[in-house]
Amino acid sequence: MNIRTIAEMAGVSVSTVSKIINNYSDISEETKNKVLEIMKQTGYVPSNSAKTLATKKSNLIGVIFAGKLNIDFTHPFFVEVLNSFKKQVGLLGYDLLFFSNEKFYAVDGEYLARCKHFQLDGCIIVTGQQVEPSIRELDLSDIPCIGVDIELKGKNSGFIMSDNYKMSYKVVEHFYLQGYRELGYIGSTEESEISNMREGGYKNAIDSFGLPLNENWFVNGDNFFETSGYEAMNRMIESGSLPRAIFAASDLLAIGAMRALKEHKLSVPQDVAIIGCDDIEACKYTSPALTTIRQNKDKIGRLAGLMLYDLMNSQAETSNIVVEPELVIRESCGCRLDNF
C-alpha cells in the first residue's frame, strides 16, 4: 500500500493525495474526506518521504560531533546540552539523526553530501579537535547550521557558546581575592579552540591584575577528560615547582588533577587550590567538592534549538550568542563560603 495505490482507489492524482496528507487548503472537502476514508479503511500511514516530497521539509535535524577527536556521548556537559536541544526541537516537531564519523573521517566526512542524501532541514555541530574540512564546507552551504562551542561563519549558520574570556576573568579575580598570586592552568590540546580561548582569557586576566606569569605552570593535555588532567598534573609536579592555584579547562580535567595531587600526598586546597569548568553533576561529590564555572547547559541547548528553528524557517537572520558563565563556590578553591 502506497500513495499511488491510494490515488488509484480514490480516482484522483498522486499530487492530490500528497496535498491532502500535508493539509493543503486548495482541495475540496468532498475529495479530502473520500481520500482520508480510504486511508483509514486500508490502514495506510503516509511515509516521511511522501511528506518530504510535497513540503520539501523532512523535519529531520542532523547532529554532528566534529573532528577526528570528538566529544561523542562521553562528555557530561555536551550530553546535557544535547538533551536540552532534543527536548526543544522535539516540541517544535523535529526528530534527530546522529552522524557517525569513525569510518567517514578517512574520506573527510562528506557531511554536506550526507545531509543532502537524508534531506535534512538543518544541523547542529558540536565542537571537536582536528575538525574536518567538510565541516567548513557544510558551514558555508545553504543548509542551516548551529555550532555549539565552535565558531561557524556561513550565511546560514550561527553559533552559541559561553563567554570563555569572562569565565577566565572570574577565576583569576576569585583567586586574587583569596590571596593567591602564583597561578597555573591545565588545558586540552593546543588544537582546541575552546581551551585556547580560556587560556588566552586567563593570561589576559593575570596580566590585568599585575600578577607574574610562569609558562611552566601552563600545561596542555590530550583532551578534556580525567586521564588527561591526571597526566598533565603529574608533569607539572615532576617539573619541580607548583602554583598556588590552578584553573582547569573542564571539570573532568580538574578531577584528574586532584587525583594526581592526592597520590603525591598534596592536599586540595591547602597545598594547591583548583577551579574547574562546566559544573557537571560529579563536582558535588568529589572530595573536596569542586569549585567550578557553571555553563548554563539547559539554556545553551534550548537557545541552540530555537536559533536553528528560526534559520530553517527563515524567521531570523544568522546570529551568534554568548551565554553568561557563573562561578559556583564549593571547597576546592579554599575559601570560606560565608564570606561570599
Protein backbone atom coordinates (compact mmCIF):
# COMPACT_ATOMS: atom_id res chain seq x y z
CA MET A 1 0.00 0.00 0.00
CA ASN A 2 1.45 3.34 -1.06
CA ILE A 3 0.40 6.82 -2.08
CA ARG A 4 -0.09 5.75 -5.72
CA THR A 5 -2.45 2.93 -4.69
CA ILE A 6 -4.49 5.34 -2.57
CA ALA A 7 -4.74 7.74 -5.51
CA GLU A 8 -5.97 4.96 -7.85
CA MET A 9 -8.58 3.81 -5.32
CA ALA A 10 -9.87 7.37 -4.87
CA GLY A 11 -9.75 8.21 -8.57
CA VAL A 12 -7.51 11.23 -8.02
CA SER A 13 -3.92 12.15 -8.83
CA VAL A 14 -0.91 11.33 -6.64
CA SER A 15 -0.32 15.07 -6.15
CA THR A 16 -3.88 15.46 -4.81
CA VAL A 17 -3.30 12.74 -2.20
CA SER A 18 0.02 14.36 -1.31
CA LYS A 19 -1.68 17.72 -0.79
CA ILE A 20 -4.31 16.11 1.45
CA ILE A 21 -1.60 14.38 3.51
CA ASN A 22 0.13 17.73 4.02
CA ASN A 23 -3.05 19.72 4.77
CA TYR A 24 -3.13 21.93 1.67
CA SER A 25 -6.22 24.13 1.57
CA ASP A 26 -6.93 24.01 -2.19
CA ILE A 27 -8.66 20.59 -2.10
CA SER A 28 -12.45 20.27 -1.79
CA GLU A 29 -13.87 18.82 1.43
CA GLU A 30 -15.60 16.04 -0.55
CA THR A 31 -12.34 14.87 -2.15
CA LYS A 32 -10.42 15.25 1.10
CA ASN A 33 -12.95 13.19 3.09
CA LYS A 34 -13.02 10.48 0.39
CA VAL A 35 -9.24 10.08 0.41
CA LEU A 36 -9.00 10.16 4.21
CA GLU A 37 -11.70 7.47 4.49
CA ILE A 38 -9.81 5.20 2.10
CA MET A 39 -6.61 5.76 4.08
CA LYS A 40 -8.48 4.87 7.26
CA GLN A 41 -10.02 1.71 5.80
CA THR A 42 -6.74 0.48 4.37
CA GLY A 43 -4.67 1.46 7.42
CA TYR A 44 -2.32 3.46 5.21
CA VAL A 45 0.10 5.71 7.11
CA PRO A 46 1.97 8.25 4.93
CA SER A 47 5.73 7.74 4.91
CA ASN A 48 8.08 10.55 5.82
CA SER A 49 9.40 10.53 2.26
CA ALA A 50 5.89 11.16 0.93
CA LYS A 51 5.54 14.18 3.19
CA THR A 52 9.01 15.41 2.32
CA LEU A 53 8.25 15.17 -1.40
CA ALA A 54 5.34 17.56 -1.06
CA THR A 55 6.64 20.01 1.55
CA LYS A 56 10.37 19.92 0.74
CA LYS A 57 10.86 19.53 4.51
CA SER A 58 11.92 16.34 6.27
CA ASN A 59 11.59 17.62 9.83
CA LEU A 60 14.95 15.97 10.46
CA ILE A 61 17.97 17.66 12.09
CA GLY A 62 21.46 16.24 11.84
CA VAL A 63 23.68 16.00 14.93
CA ILE A 64 27.40 16.06 14.10
CA PHE A 65 30.29 15.60 16.52
CA ALA A 66 33.02 17.41 14.61
CA GLY A 67 36.63 16.34 14.36
CA LYS A 68 38.83 13.29 14.47
CA LEU A 69 38.98 13.74 18.24
CA ASN A 70 35.36 14.46 19.13
CA ILE A 71 33.29 14.70 22.28
CA ASP A 72 30.77 11.99 21.26
CA PHE A 73 28.39 10.87 24.09
CA THR A 74 31.11 10.59 26.74
CA HIS A 75 31.30 14.21 27.96
CA PRO A 76 28.58 15.02 30.53
CA PHE A 77 28.47 18.73 29.61
CA PHE A 78 27.57 18.09 25.98
CA VAL A 79 25.19 15.26 26.87
CA GLU A 80 23.16 17.73 28.95
CA VAL A 81 23.29 20.39 26.22
CA LEU A 82 22.10 17.92 23.57
CA ASN A 83 19.35 16.61 25.84
CA SER A 84 18.04 20.15 26.25
CA PHE A 85 18.36 20.70 22.49
CA LYS A 86 16.47 17.46 21.77
CA LYS A 87 13.58 18.47 24.01
CA GLN A 88 13.35 21.93 22.43
CA VAL A 89 13.35 20.80 18.79
CA GLY A 90 11.06 17.90 19.71
CA LEU A 91 8.46 20.41 20.90
CA LEU A 92 8.83 22.12 17.53
CA GLY A 93 8.16 18.87 15.64
CA TYR A 94 11.66 17.72 14.67
CA ASP A 95 13.49 14.41 15.01
CA LEU A 96 17.28 13.95 15.22
CA LEU A 97 19.65 12.00 13.01
CA PHE A 98 23.06 11.31 14.58
CA PHE A 99 26.03 11.15 12.24
CA SER A 100 28.92 8.74 12.73
CA ASN A 101 32.39 9.74 11.58
CA GLU A 102 34.58 6.78 12.56
CA LYS A 103 34.54 5.31 9.04
CA PHE A 104 33.96 8.55 7.19
CA TYR A 105 36.83 10.56 8.71
CA ALA A 106 39.25 8.93 6.27
CA VAL A 107 37.28 10.46 3.39
CA ASP A 108 36.77 13.81 5.16
CA GLY A 109 33.30 13.12 6.50
CA GLU A 110 31.41 14.15 3.35
CA TYR A 111 28.88 15.84 5.64
CA LEU A 112 27.24 18.03 3.01
CA ALA A 113 26.59 15.08 0.67
CA ARG A 114 25.20 13.01 3.55
CA CYS A 115 22.94 15.87 4.69
CA LYS A 116 21.54 16.19 1.17
CA HIS A 117 21.06 12.43 0.93
CA PHE A 118 18.88 12.44 4.05
CA GLN A 119 17.22 15.74 3.03
CA LEU A 120 17.96 17.31 6.41
CA ASP A 121 16.38 20.63 7.29
CA GLY A 122 19.38 21.71 9.38
CA CYS A 123 22.28 20.59 11.56
CA ILE A 124 23.74 21.15 15.00
CA ILE A 125 27.53 20.80 15.06
CA VAL A 126 29.29 20.05 18.36
CA THR A 127 32.91 21.14 18.79
CA GLY A 128 35.81 18.75 18.40
CA GLN A 129 39.53 18.69 17.64
CA GLN A 130 41.17 18.25 14.23
CA VAL A 131 37.96 19.40 12.56
CA GLU A 132 37.44 18.07 9.03
CA PRO A 133 37.41 20.49 6.07
CA SER A 134 33.98 19.12 5.15
CA ILE A 135 32.60 20.70 8.33
CA ARG A 136 33.57 24.07 6.85
CA GLU A 137 32.04 23.03 3.53
CA LEU A 138 28.75 22.28 5.32
CA ASP A 139 29.02 25.55 7.27
CA LEU A 140 29.27 27.53 4.01
CA SER A 141 26.41 25.67 2.30
CA ASP A 142 22.70 26.53 2.14
CA ILE A 143 21.87 24.06 4.93
CA PRO A 144 21.18 25.94 8.19
CA CYS A 145 23.69 25.05 10.91
CA ILE A 146 24.23 26.00 14.55
CA GLY A 147 27.56 25.31 16.24
CA VAL A 148 27.99 24.58 19.95
CA ASP A 149 31.42 25.73 21.14
CA ILE A 150 32.57 26.01 17.52
CA GLU A 151 32.52 29.25 15.51
CA LEU A 152 30.60 28.95 12.24
CA LYS A 153 30.75 31.73 9.65
CA GLY A 154 28.38 30.71 6.83
CA LYS A 155 25.48 32.88 5.71
CA ASN A 156 23.04 30.25 7.01
CA SER A 157 25.00 29.43 10.15
CA GLY A 158 25.36 30.69 13.69
CA PHE A 159 26.93 29.53 16.93
CA ILE A 160 26.44 29.59 20.67
CA MET A 161 28.96 29.26 23.49
CA SER A 162 29.65 30.51 26.99
CA ASP A 163 31.75 33.64 27.40
CA ASN A 164 35.12 31.92 27.71
CA TYR A 165 37.02 35.14 28.37
CA LYS A 166 34.68 36.23 31.12
CA MET A 167 34.82 32.83 32.85
CA SER A 168 38.63 33.04 32.92
CA TYR A 169 38.48 36.54 34.38
CA LYS A 170 36.09 35.35 37.10
CA VAL A 171 38.55 32.61 38.08
CA VAL A 172 41.54 34.96 38.31
CA GLU A 173 39.52 37.54 40.23
CA HIS A 174 38.42 34.89 42.72
CA PHE A 175 41.96 33.55 43.16
CA TYR A 176 43.20 37.12 43.65
CA LEU A 177 40.60 37.76 46.36
CA GLN A 178 41.78 34.58 48.09
CA GLY A 179 45.31 35.93 48.19
CA TYR A 180 46.71 33.56 45.56
CA ARG A 181 49.35 35.13 43.31
CA GLU A 182 51.01 32.11 41.67
CA LEU A 183 48.51 30.78 39.14
CA GLY A 184 48.59 27.82 36.76
CA TYR A 185 46.38 26.35 34.04
CA ILE A 186 45.56 22.87 32.71
CA GLY A 187 44.01 22.83 29.25
CA SER A 188 43.15 20.46 26.46
CA THR A 189 45.25 20.02 23.32
CA GLU A 190 46.64 23.12 21.61
CA GLU A 191 44.29 22.39 18.70
CA SER A 192 41.22 23.04 20.86
CA GLU A 193 39.77 26.49 20.13
CA ILE A 194 37.78 26.49 23.37
CA SER A 195 40.78 25.57 25.53
CA ASN A 196 42.85 28.24 23.79
CA MET A 197 40.15 30.86 24.41
CA ARG A 198 40.07 30.02 28.12
CA GLU A 199 43.85 30.05 28.36
CA GLY A 200 44.07 33.36 26.49
CA GLY A 201 41.44 34.93 28.73
CA TYR A 202 43.19 33.56 31.80
CA LYS A 203 46.55 35.06 30.78
CA ASN A 204 44.91 38.41 29.97
CA ALA A 205 43.26 38.46 33.38
CA ILE A 206 46.54 37.57 35.14
CA ASP A 207 48.12 40.50 33.33
CA SER A 208 45.22 42.80 34.28
CA PHE A 209 45.80 42.05 37.95
CA GLY A 210 49.54 42.65 37.56
CA LEU A 211 50.47 39.10 38.53
CA PRO A 212 53.56 37.20 37.36
CA LEU A 213 53.09 34.62 34.60
CA ASN A 214 55.04 31.36 34.74
CA GLU A 215 54.69 29.38 31.49
CA ASN A 216 55.91 26.23 33.28
CA TRP A 217 52.60 26.19 35.10
CA PHE A 218 50.58 26.17 31.88
CA VAL A 219 50.21 22.57 30.74
CA ASN A 220 48.07 21.07 27.97
CA GLY A 221 46.66 17.58 27.89
CA ASP A 222 45.29 15.50 25.02
CA ASN A 223 41.58 16.18 25.60
CA PHE A 224 39.10 17.39 28.25
CA PHE A 225 38.87 14.13 30.22
CA GLU A 226 40.15 12.89 33.61
CA THR A 227 43.15 10.93 32.37
CA SER A 228 44.43 13.96 30.52
CA GLY A 229 44.13 16.12 33.66
CA TYR A 230 45.84 13.44 35.72
CA GLU A 231 48.79 13.20 33.32
CA ALA A 232 49.11 16.98 32.94
CA MET A 233 49.16 17.45 36.71
CA ASN A 234 51.83 14.78 37.08
CA ARG A 235 54.01 16.57 34.53
CA MET A 236 53.61 19.82 36.44
CA ILE A 237 54.54 18.11 39.73
CA GLU A 238 57.58 16.49 38.14
CA SER A 239 58.79 19.89 36.89
CA GLY A 240 59.79 20.68 40.48
CA SER A 241 57.52 23.62 41.32
CA LEU A 242 53.79 24.16 41.65
CA PRO A 243 51.49 27.19 41.51
CA ARG A 244 49.31 28.04 44.49
CA ALA A 245 46.12 27.76 42.42
CA ILE A 246 45.11 26.12 39.13
CA PHE A 247 42.27 26.70 36.67
CA ALA A 248 41.37 23.57 34.69
CA ALA A 249 39.56 24.00 31.35
CA SER A 250 36.99 21.36 32.32
CA ASP A 251 35.72 19.70 35.48
CA LEU A 252 36.99 16.34 34.29
CA LEU A 253 40.49 17.77 33.86
CA ALA A 254 40.24 19.20 37.38
CA ILE A 255 39.10 15.86 38.83
CA GLY A 256 42.04 14.09 37.20
CA ALA A 257 44.43 16.74 38.53
CA MET A 258 43.05 16.33 42.06
CA ARG A 259 43.73 12.61 41.91
CA ALA A 260 47.36 13.20 40.88
CA LEU A 261 47.88 15.67 43.72
CA LYS A 262 46.40 13.23 46.22
CA GLU A 263 48.71 10.45 45.04
CA HIS A 264 51.68 12.77 45.67
CA LYS A 265 50.45 13.48 49.23
CA LEU A 266 49.44 17.04 48.30
CA SER A 267 46.18 18.45 49.61
CA VAL A 268 43.48 20.42 47.83
CA PRO A 269 43.06 23.27 48.64
CA GLN A 270 45.69 23.51 51.38
CA ASP A 271 48.63 22.99 49.00
CA VAL A 272 47.03 23.73 45.63
CA ALA A 273 43.60 25.27 45.09
CA ILE A 274 41.68 24.18 41.99
CA ILE A 275 38.74 25.54 39.98
CA GLY A 276 37.15 23.56 37.14
CA CYS A 277 34.75 24.47 34.36
CA ASP A 278 31.28 23.18 33.29
CA ASP A 279 29.64 22.32 36.65
CA ILE A 280 28.87 18.71 35.87
CA GLU A 281 26.99 16.70 38.49
CA ALA A 282 30.15 14.96 39.75
CA CYS A 283 31.51 18.29 41.12
CA LYS A 284 29.24 17.99 44.15
CA TYR A 285 30.63 14.57 45.08
CA THR A 286 34.40 14.99 44.74
CA SER A 287 36.46 15.34 47.89
CA PRO A 288 36.80 18.23 48.38
CA ALA A 289 33.75 19.38 46.40
CA LEU A 290 34.91 21.12 43.23
CA THR A 291 34.57 24.88 42.81
CA THR A 292 33.77 25.49 39.15
CA ILE A 293 32.49 27.78 36.45
CA ARG A 294 28.91 26.86 35.63
CA GLN A 295 27.91 26.85 31.99
CA ASN A 296 24.13 27.06 31.64
CA LYS A 297 23.70 23.77 29.78
CA ASP A 298 19.90 23.87 29.62
CA LYS A 299 19.89 27.43 28.29
CA ILE A 300 22.57 26.70 25.69
CA GLY A 301 20.62 23.68 24.41
CA ARG A 302 17.29 25.50 24.26
CA LEU A 303 18.77 28.55 22.56
CA ALA A 304 20.56 26.37 20.01
CA GLY A 305 17.24 24.70 19.17
CA LEU A 306 15.40 27.98 18.76
CA MET A 307 18.22 29.57 16.75
CA LEU A 308 18.28 26.62 14.34
CA TYR A 309 14.47 26.62 14.04
CA ASP A 310 14.49 30.29 13.10
CA LEU A 311 17.18 29.71 10.45
CA MET A 312 15.38 26.68 8.98
CA ASN A 313 12.11 28.60 8.73
CA SER A 314 13.58 31.96 7.65
CA GLN A 315 12.24 33.65 10.77
CA ALA A 316 15.50 35.33 11.73
CA GLU A 317 18.91 36.09 10.31
CA THR A 318 22.04 34.28 11.41
CA SER A 319 23.17 35.16 14.94
CA ASN A 320 25.89 34.32 17.42
CA ILE A 321 25.10 34.16 21.13
CA VAL A 322 27.46 34.24 24.09
CA VAL A 323 25.99 32.95 27.37
CA GLU A 324 26.99 34.38 30.75
CA PRO A 325 29.00 31.97 32.97
CA GLU A 326 28.65 31.73 36.76
CA LEU A 327 31.24 30.98 39.45
CA VAL A 328 29.99 28.21 41.76
CA ILE A 329 31.98 28.24 45.01
CA ARG A 330 32.47 24.95 46.84
CA GLU A 331 35.53 23.65 48.72
CA SER A 332 38.42 23.10 46.30
CA CYS A 333 39.25 26.81 45.97
CA GLY A 334 39.94 27.12 49.71
CA CYS A 335 37.60 29.97 50.54
CA ARG A 336 35.08 30.26 53.31
CA LEU A 337 31.60 30.18 51.83
CA ASP A 338 30.22 32.52 54.48
CA ASN A 339 32.49 35.26 53.15
CA PHE A 340 30.66 35.29 49.80
